[in-house]
Amino acid sequence: MKGIEKILDQTDLRILDELSKNSRITMKELSERVHLSSPATSARVEKLEIAGIIEGYTIKVNQTKMGYFVHAMINIFTKSTHHQPYLSFLKTQEQYIINNYKISGDSCYILECKFPSNEKLDEFLVKLNEHVNYKLSIIINK
């Protein structure tokens, strides 16, 4: 953490905190919250972007309102050291994939998925099992 502390001061950290809460905040409002002028705040945000600390601005999508009622975390256990069949399968199922994390530990990946129904989840798992073994967990509440 010492490297980051040398680059970022408390004002930079407050800017990052505010932008993480609302990336659509206006520079005027952001500057008021961090107690700087608008030009000074804009310059700091630009510095953070150039340094690669701010990589982009995103939105948060409500998956339930989009029709995806089943949220699953799936531990993936590959059947061999050749993972390409699994990764190729995922490309055909992108509408269900939120994240695929390559990890260390008991499993090889943690796959985060969304499904409109248990039936679609079941169809996905049957196809998935052609490539890997898995352990399924369903998210009940965030």
C-alpha atoms as a PDB file:
ATOM      1  CA  MET A   1       0.000   0.000   0.000  1.00  0.00           C
ATOM      2  CA  LYS A   2       2.985   2.328   0.453  1.00  0.00           C
ATOM      3  CA  GLY A   3       3.331   2.769  -3.322  1.00  0.00           C
ATOM      4  CA  ILE A   4      -0.256   3.941  -3.650  1.00  0.00           C
ATOM      5  CA  GLU A   5       0.082   6.277  -0.665  1.00  0.00           C
ATOM      6  CA  LYS A   6       2.980   8.038  -2.412  1.00  0.00           C
ATOM      7  CA  ILE A   7       0.890   8.597  -5.527  1.00  0.00           C
ATOM      8  CA  LEU A   8      -2.476   9.374  -3.920  1.00  0.00           C
ATOM      9  CA  ASP A   9      -3.254  11.853  -1.190  1.00  0.00           C
ATOM     10  CA  GLN A  10      -6.422  12.033   0.900  1.00  0.00           C
ATOM     11  CA  THR A  11      -8.162  14.263  -1.660  1.00  0.00           C
ATOM     12  CA  ASP A  12      -7.467  11.760  -4.448  1.00  0.00           C
ATOM     13  CA  LEU A  13      -8.861   8.990  -2.250  1.00  0.00           C
ATOM     14  CA  ARG A  14     -11.998  11.052  -1.563  1.00  0.00           C
ATOM     15  CA  ILE A  15     -12.399  11.665  -5.311  1.00  0.00           C
ATOM     16  CA  LEU A  16     -12.143   7.918  -5.982  1.00  0.00           C
ATOM     17  CA  ASP A  17     -14.627   7.187  -3.201  1.00  0.00           C
ATOM     18  CA  GLU A  18     -17.163   9.668  -4.592  1.00  0.00           C
ATOM     19  CA  LEU A  19     -16.735   8.423  -8.176  1.00  0.00           C
ATOM     20  CA  SER A  20     -17.160   4.801  -7.003  1.00  0.00           C
ATOM     21  CA  LYS A  21     -20.483   5.735  -5.452  1.00  0.00           C
ATOM     22  CA  ASN A  22     -21.673   7.702  -8.496  1.00  0.00           C
ATOM     23  CA  SER A  23     -19.565   7.846 -11.647  1.00  0.00           C
ATOM     24  CA  ARG A  24     -22.087  10.230 -13.238  1.00  0.00           C
ATOM     25  CA  ILE A  25     -21.544  12.944 -10.647  1.00  0.00           C
ATOM     26  CA  THR A  26     -20.873  16.373 -12.170  1.00  0.00           C
ATOM     27  CA  MET A  27     -17.447  17.937 -11.697  1.00  0.00           C
ATOM     28  CA  LYS A  28     -19.154  20.820  -9.903  1.00  0.00           C
ATOM     29  CA  GLU A  29     -20.792  18.502  -7.369  1.00  0.00           C
ATOM     30  CA  LEU A  30     -17.633  16.403  -7.018  1.00  0.00           C
ATOM     31  CA  SER A  31     -15.541  19.520  -6.407  1.00  0.00           C
ATOM     32  CA  GLU A  32     -17.946  20.632  -3.669  1.00  0.00           C
ATOM     33  CA  ARG A  33     -17.737  17.234  -1.964  1.00  0.00           C
ATOM     34  CA  VAL A  34     -13.921  17.179  -1.983  1.00  0.00           C
ATOM     35  CA  HIS A  35     -13.568  20.914  -1.206  1.00  0.00           C
ATOM     36  CA  LEU A  36     -11.666  21.931  -4.349  1.00  0.00           C
ATOM     37  CA  SER A  37     -12.432  24.189  -7.279  1.00  0.00           C
ATOM     38  CA  SER A  38     -13.960  22.562 -10.375  1.00  0.00           C
ATOM     39  CA  PRO A  39     -10.765  23.045 -12.474  1.00  0.00           C
ATOM     40  CA  ALA A  40      -8.596  21.544  -9.702  1.00  0.00           C
ATOM     41  CA  THR A  41     -10.968  18.581  -9.356  1.00  0.00           C
ATOM     42  CA  SER A  42     -11.015  18.032 -13.138  1.00  0.00           C
ATOM     43  CA  ALA A  43      -7.217  18.117 -13.204  1.00  0.00           C
ATOM     44  CA  ARG A  44      -7.000  15.525 -10.425  1.00  0.00           C
ATOM     45  CA  VAL A  45      -9.524  13.242 -12.145  1.00  0.00           C
ATOM     46  CA  GLU A  46      -7.548  13.528 -15.388  1.00  0.00           C
ATOM     47  CA  LYS A  47      -4.321  12.729 -13.499  1.00  0.00           C
ATOM     48  CA  LEU A  48      -5.974   9.611 -12.048  1.00  0.00           C
ATOM     49  CA  GLU A  49      -7.157   8.564 -15.528  1.00  0.00           C
ATOM     50  CA  ILE A  50      -3.717   9.112 -17.117  1.00  0.00           C
ATOM     51  CA  ALA A  51      -2.053   7.148 -14.302  1.00  0.00           C
ATOM     52  CA  GLY A  52      -4.431   4.247 -15.032  1.00  0.00           C
ATOM     53  CA  ILE A  53      -5.938   4.353 -11.550  1.00  0.00           C
ATOM     54  CA  ILE A  54      -9.311   5.212 -13.060  1.00  0.00           C
ATOM     55  CA  GLU A  55      -9.700   2.718 -15.902  1.00  0.00           C
ATOM     56  CA  GLY A  56     -13.236   3.616 -16.899  1.00  0.00           C
ATOM     57  CA  TYR A  57     -16.741   4.444 -15.793  1.00  0.00           C
ATOM     58  CA  THR A  58     -19.462   1.825 -15.597  1.00  0.00           C
ATOM     59  CA  ILE A  59     -23.094   1.285 -14.742  1.00  0.00           C
ATOM     60  CA  LYS A  60     -24.699  -1.219 -12.398  1.00  0.00           C
ATOM     61  CA  VAL A  61     -27.453  -3.259 -14.037  1.00  0.00           C
ATOM     62  CA  ASN A  62     -30.316  -4.727 -12.000  1.00  0.00           C
ATOM     63  CA  GLN A  63     -30.332  -8.308 -13.311  1.00  0.00           C
ATOM     64  CA  THR A  64     -33.743  -9.103 -11.782  1.00  0.00           C
ATOM     65  CA  LYS A  65     -35.394  -6.216 -13.622  1.00  0.00           C
ATOM     66  CA  MET A  66     -33.704  -7.477 -16.788  1.00  0.00           C
ATOM     67  CA  GLY A  67     -35.488 -10.815 -16.334  1.00  0.00           C
ATOM     68  CA  TYR A  68     -32.648 -12.822 -14.761  1.00  0.00           C
ATOM     69  CA  PHE A  69     -34.078 -14.222 -11.516  1.00  0.00           C
ATOM     70  CA  VAL A  70     -31.474 -16.932 -10.770  1.00  0.00           C
ATOM     71  CA  HIS A  71     -27.988 -15.757  -9.704  1.00  0.00           C
ATOM     72  CA  ALA A  72     -25.459 -18.591  -9.476  1.00  0.00           C
ATOM     73  CA  MET A  73     -21.835 -19.015  -8.449  1.00  0.00           C
ATOM     74  CA  ILE A  74     -20.323 -22.155  -9.947  1.00  0.00           C
ATOM     75  CA  ASN A  75     -16.980 -23.605  -8.877  1.00  0.00           C
ATOM     76  CA  ILE A  76     -15.408 -25.134 -11.972  1.00  0.00           C
ATOM     77  CA  PHE A  77     -13.177 -28.212 -11.844  1.00  0.00           C
ATOM     78  CA  THR A  78     -11.565 -28.879 -15.230  1.00  0.00           C
ATOM     79  CA  LYS A  79     -11.163 -32.476 -16.301  1.00  0.00           C
ATOM     80  CA  SER A  80      -7.677 -31.850 -17.704  1.00  0.00           C
ATOM     81  CA  THR A  81      -5.042 -29.135 -17.918  1.00  0.00           C
ATOM     82  CA  HIS A  82      -6.471 -28.159 -21.319  1.00  0.00           C
ATOM     83  CA  HIS A  83      -9.068 -25.475 -20.507  1.00  0.00           C
ATOM     84  CA  GLN A  84      -9.864 -24.301 -24.040  1.00  0.00           C
ATOM     85  CA  PRO A  85     -12.990 -26.463 -24.545  1.00  0.00           C
ATOM     86  CA  TYR A  86     -14.476 -24.921 -21.381  1.00  0.00           C
ATOM     87  CA  LEU A  87     -13.507 -21.379 -22.400  1.00  0.00           C
ATOM     88  CA  SER A  88     -14.902 -21.928 -25.900  1.00  0.00           C
ATOM     89  CA  PHE A  89     -18.164 -23.194 -24.400  1.00  0.00           C
ATOM     90  CA  LEU A  90     -18.444 -20.015 -22.322  1.00  0.00           C
ATOM     91  CA  LYS A  91     -18.248 -17.904 -25.475  1.00  0.00           C
ATOM     92  CA  THR A  92     -21.398 -19.641 -26.729  1.00  0.00           C
ATOM     93  CA  GLN A  93     -23.206 -18.864 -23.455  1.00  0.00           C
ATOM     94  CA  GLU A  94     -22.319 -15.169 -23.010  1.00  0.00           C
ATOM     95  CA  GLN A  95     -25.927 -14.158 -22.311  1.00  0.00           C
ATOM     96  CA  TYR A  96     -25.687 -16.017 -18.984  1.00  0.00           C
ATOM     97  CA  ILE A  97     -22.110 -15.163 -17.934  1.00  0.00           C
ATOM     98  CA  ILE A  98     -21.419 -12.264 -15.565  1.00  0.00           C
ATOM     99  CA  ASN A  99     -17.807 -13.111 -14.664  1.00  0.00           C
ATOM    100  CA  ASN A 100     -15.392 -16.001 -15.031  1.00  0.00           C
ATOM    101  CA  TYR A 101     -12.595 -15.780 -12.465  1.00  0.00           C
ATOM    102  CA  LYS A 102      -9.489 -17.959 -12.823  1.00  0.00           C
ATOM    103  CA  ILE A 103      -8.487 -18.747  -9.251  1.00  0.00           C
ATOM    104  CA  SER A 104      -6.117 -20.745  -7.099  1.00  0.00           C
ATOM    105  CA  GLY A 105      -7.492 -23.169  -4.539  1.00  0.00           C
ATOM    106  CA  ASP A 106      -9.738 -26.199  -4.770  1.00  0.00           C
ATOM    107  CA  SER A 107     -11.320 -25.276  -8.105  1.00  0.00           C
ATOM    108  CA  CYS A 108      -9.873 -23.771 -11.286  1.00  0.00           C
ATOM    109  CA  TYR A 109     -12.486 -21.068 -11.902  1.00  0.00           C
ATOM    110  CA  ILE A 110     -15.423 -19.422 -10.216  1.00  0.00           C
ATOM    111  CA  LEU A 111     -18.142 -18.743 -12.747  1.00  0.00           C
ATOM    112  CA  GLU A 112     -20.770 -16.118 -11.908  1.00  0.00           C
ATOM    113  CA  CYS A 113     -23.939 -16.501 -13.953  1.00  0.00           C
ATOM    114  CA  LYS A 114     -27.494 -15.215 -14.290  1.00  0.00           C
ATOM    115  CA  PHE A 115     -30.457 -17.145 -15.634  1.00  0.00           C
ATOM    116  CA  PRO A 116     -34.082 -16.279 -16.346  1.00  0.00           C
ATOM    117  CA  SER A 117     -35.274 -19.572 -14.812  1.00  0.00           C
ATOM    118  CA  ASN A 118     -34.183 -22.789 -13.136  1.00  0.00           C
ATOM    119  CA  GLU A 119     -34.959 -24.597 -16.397  1.00  0.00           C
ATOM    120  CA  LYS A 120     -32.393 -22.472 -18.289  1.00  0.00           C
ATOM    121  CA  LEU A 121     -29.907 -23.041 -15.467  1.00  0.00           C
ATOM    122  CA  ASP A 122     -30.439 -26.792 -15.756  1.00  0.00           C
ATOM    123  CA  GLU A 123     -29.936 -26.728 -19.544  1.00  0.00           C
ATOM    124  CA  PHE A 124     -26.729 -24.731 -19.034  1.00  0.00           C
ATOM    125  CA  LEU A 125     -25.415 -27.165 -16.399  1.00  0.00           C
ATOM    126  CA  VAL A 126     -26.049 -30.199 -18.599  1.00  0.00           C
ATOM    127  CA  LYS A 127     -23.998 -28.614 -21.412  1.00  0.00           C
ATOM    128  CA  LEU A 128     -21.357 -27.349 -18.963  1.00  0.00           C
ATOM    129  CA  ASN A 129     -20.855 -30.847 -17.581  1.00  0.00           C
ATOM    130  CA  GLU A 130     -19.731 -32.027 -21.024  1.00  0.00           C
ATOM    131  CA  HIS A 131     -16.578 -29.941 -20.474  1.00  0.00           C
ATOM    132  CA  VAL A 132     -15.985 -29.696 -16.715  1.00  0.00           C
ATOM    133  CA  ASN A 133     -17.186 -30.824 -13.317  1.00  0.00           C
ATOM    134  CA  TYR A 134     -18.768 -28.192 -11.102  1.00  0.00           C
ATOM    135  CA  LYS A 135     -20.201 -27.314  -7.713  1.00  0.00           C
ATOM    136  CA  LEU A 136     -23.225 -25.020  -7.779  1.00  0.00           C
ATOM    137  CA  SER A 137     -24.243 -22.320  -5.278  1.00  0.00           C
ATOM    138  CA  ILE A 138     -27.313 -20.129  -5.721  1.00  0.00           C
ATOM    139  CA  ILE A 139     -27.244 -16.551  -4.405  1.00  0.00           C
ATOM    140  CA  ILE A 140     -30.226 -16.015  -2.111  1.00  0.00           C
ATOM    141  CA  ASN A 141     -29.599 -12.366  -1.203  1.00  0.00           C
ATOM    142  CA  LYS A 142     -26.839  -9.783  -1.620  1.00  0.00           C
END
